């Protein structure tokens, strides 16, 4: 198996981040010739991750109040 490029993909906003990039960006074009060389790592970019954590904490607090 050849080495594949791991590209991070935000499940919330759809931005991607390549290992060589410093910023998350919306993909503008997909080169179908290189898709077989890519592995997508699903997760969250920093802003979406912070939002998801805040929402989870709020839901936990709400559930604790109803116990």
C-alpha atoms as a PDB file:
ATOM      1  CA  UNK A   1       0.000   0.000   0.000  1.00  0.00           C
ATOM      2  CA  UNK A   2       1.401   3.386  -0.956  1.00  0.00           C
ATOM      3  CA  UNK A   3       1.530   6.296   1.457  1.00  0.00           C
ATOM      4  CA  UNK A   4      -1.615   8.367   1.300  1.00  0.00           C
ATOM      5  CA  UNK A   5      -2.034  12.041   2.042  1.00  0.00           C
ATOM      6  CA  UNK A   6      -4.249  12.615   5.096  1.00  0.00           C
ATOM      7  CA  UNK A   7      -6.545  15.582   4.527  1.00  0.00           C
ATOM      8  CA  UNK A   8      -8.579  16.869   7.453  1.00  0.00           C
ATOM      9  CA  UNK A   9     -12.233  17.548   6.673  1.00  0.00           C
ATOM     10  CA  UNK A  10     -14.588  19.554   8.900  1.00  0.00           C
ATOM     11  CA  UNK A  11     -17.899  17.727   9.264  1.00  0.00           C
ATOM     12  CA  UNK A  12     -19.708  20.959  10.132  1.00  0.00           C
ATOM     13  CA  UNK A  13     -18.612  23.566   7.572  1.00  0.00           C
ATOM     14  CA  UNK A  14     -16.971  21.381   4.911  1.00  0.00           C
ATOM     15  CA  UNK A  15     -13.586  23.103   4.924  1.00  0.00           C
ATOM     16  CA  UNK A  16     -10.441  21.047   4.369  1.00  0.00           C
ATOM     17  CA  UNK A  17      -6.897  21.363   5.621  1.00  0.00           C
ATOM     18  CA  UNK A  18      -3.966  19.744   3.888  1.00  0.00           C
ATOM     19  CA  UNK A  19      -0.888  18.866   5.958  1.00  0.00           C
ATOM     20  CA  UNK A  20       1.158  21.573   4.218  1.00  0.00           C
ATOM     21  CA  UNK A  21      -1.471  24.309   4.816  1.00  0.00           C
ATOM     22  CA  UNK A  22      -1.825  26.503   7.872  1.00  0.00           C
ATOM     23  CA  UNK A  23      -5.440  27.543   7.239  1.00  0.00           C
ATOM     24  CA  UNK A  24      -8.705  25.700   6.700  1.00  0.00           C
ATOM     25  CA  UNK A  25     -10.231  26.457   3.288  1.00  0.00           C
ATOM     26  CA  UNK A  26     -13.279  25.496   1.292  1.00  0.00           C
ATOM     27  CA  UNK A  27     -12.269  23.122  -1.488  1.00  0.00           C
ATOM     28  CA  UNK A  28     -12.546  24.889  -4.830  1.00  0.00           C
ATOM     29  CA  UNK A  29     -11.751  22.029  -7.201  1.00  0.00           C
ATOM     30  CA  UNK A  30     -11.327  18.319  -6.773  1.00  0.00           C
ATOM     31  CA  UNK A  31      -8.685  16.625  -8.832  1.00  0.00           C
ATOM     32  CA  UNK A  32     -10.255  13.213  -9.390  1.00  0.00           C
ATOM     33  CA  UNK A  33      -6.920  11.770 -10.430  1.00  0.00           C
ATOM     34  CA  UNK A  34      -5.530  12.165  -6.925  1.00  0.00           C
ATOM     35  CA  UNK A  35      -8.570  11.086  -4.886  1.00  0.00           C
ATOM     36  CA  UNK A  36      -7.158   7.572  -4.631  1.00  0.00           C
ATOM     37  CA  UNK A  37      -4.077   9.073  -2.955  1.00  0.00           C
ATOM     38  CA  UNK A  38      -6.077  10.835  -0.203  1.00  0.00           C
ATOM     39  CA  UNK A  39      -7.497   9.689   3.114  1.00  0.00           C
ATOM     40  CA  UNK A  40     -10.058  12.009   4.693  1.00  0.00           C
ATOM     41  CA  UNK A  41      -9.802  12.524   8.429  1.00  0.00           C
ATOM     42  CA  UNK A  42     -13.221  13.672   9.615  1.00  0.00           C
ATOM     43  CA  UNK A  43     -13.390  16.078  12.514  1.00  0.00           C
ATOM     44  CA  UNK A  44     -13.891  19.783  13.126  1.00  0.00           C
ATOM     45  CA  UNK A  45     -11.969  22.919  12.279  1.00  0.00           C
ATOM     46  CA  UNK A  46     -11.188  25.059  15.315  1.00  0.00           C
ATOM     47  CA  UNK A  47     -14.280  27.346  15.210  1.00  0.00           C
ATOM     48  CA  UNK A  48     -16.685  24.473  14.543  1.00  0.00           C
ATOM     49  CA  UNK A  49     -14.980  22.330  17.196  1.00  0.00           C
ATOM     50  CA  UNK A  50     -15.354  25.068  19.797  1.00  0.00           C
ATOM     51  CA  UNK A  51     -19.028  25.444  18.868  1.00  0.00           C
ATOM     52  CA  UNK A  52     -19.612  21.671  19.103  1.00  0.00           C
ATOM     53  CA  UNK A  53     -17.958  21.503  22.538  1.00  0.00           C
ATOM     54  CA  UNK A  54     -20.026  24.458  23.803  1.00  0.00           C
ATOM     55  CA  UNK A  55     -23.231  22.825  22.536  1.00  0.00           C
ATOM     56  CA  UNK A  56     -22.307  19.509  24.172  1.00  0.00           C
ATOM     57  CA  UNK A  57     -21.550  21.215  27.491  1.00  0.00           C
ATOM     58  CA  UNK A  58     -24.868  23.092  27.357  1.00  0.00           C
ATOM     59  CA  UNK A  59     -26.738  19.852  26.656  1.00  0.00           C
ATOM     60  CA  UNK A  60     -24.979  18.075  29.552  1.00  0.00           C
ATOM     61  CA  UNK A  61     -25.865  20.952  31.885  1.00  0.00           C
ATOM     62  CA  UNK A  62     -29.485  20.833  30.705  1.00  0.00           C
ATOM     63  CA  UNK A  63     -29.686  17.082  31.277  1.00  0.00           C
ATOM     64  CA  UNK A  64     -28.188  17.415  34.775  1.00  0.00           C
ATOM     65  CA  UNK A  65     -30.895  19.920  35.688  1.00  0.00           C
ATOM     66  CA  UNK A  66     -33.614  17.455  34.664  1.00  0.00           C
ATOM     67  CA  UNK A  67     -32.301  14.609  36.853  1.00  0.00           C
END
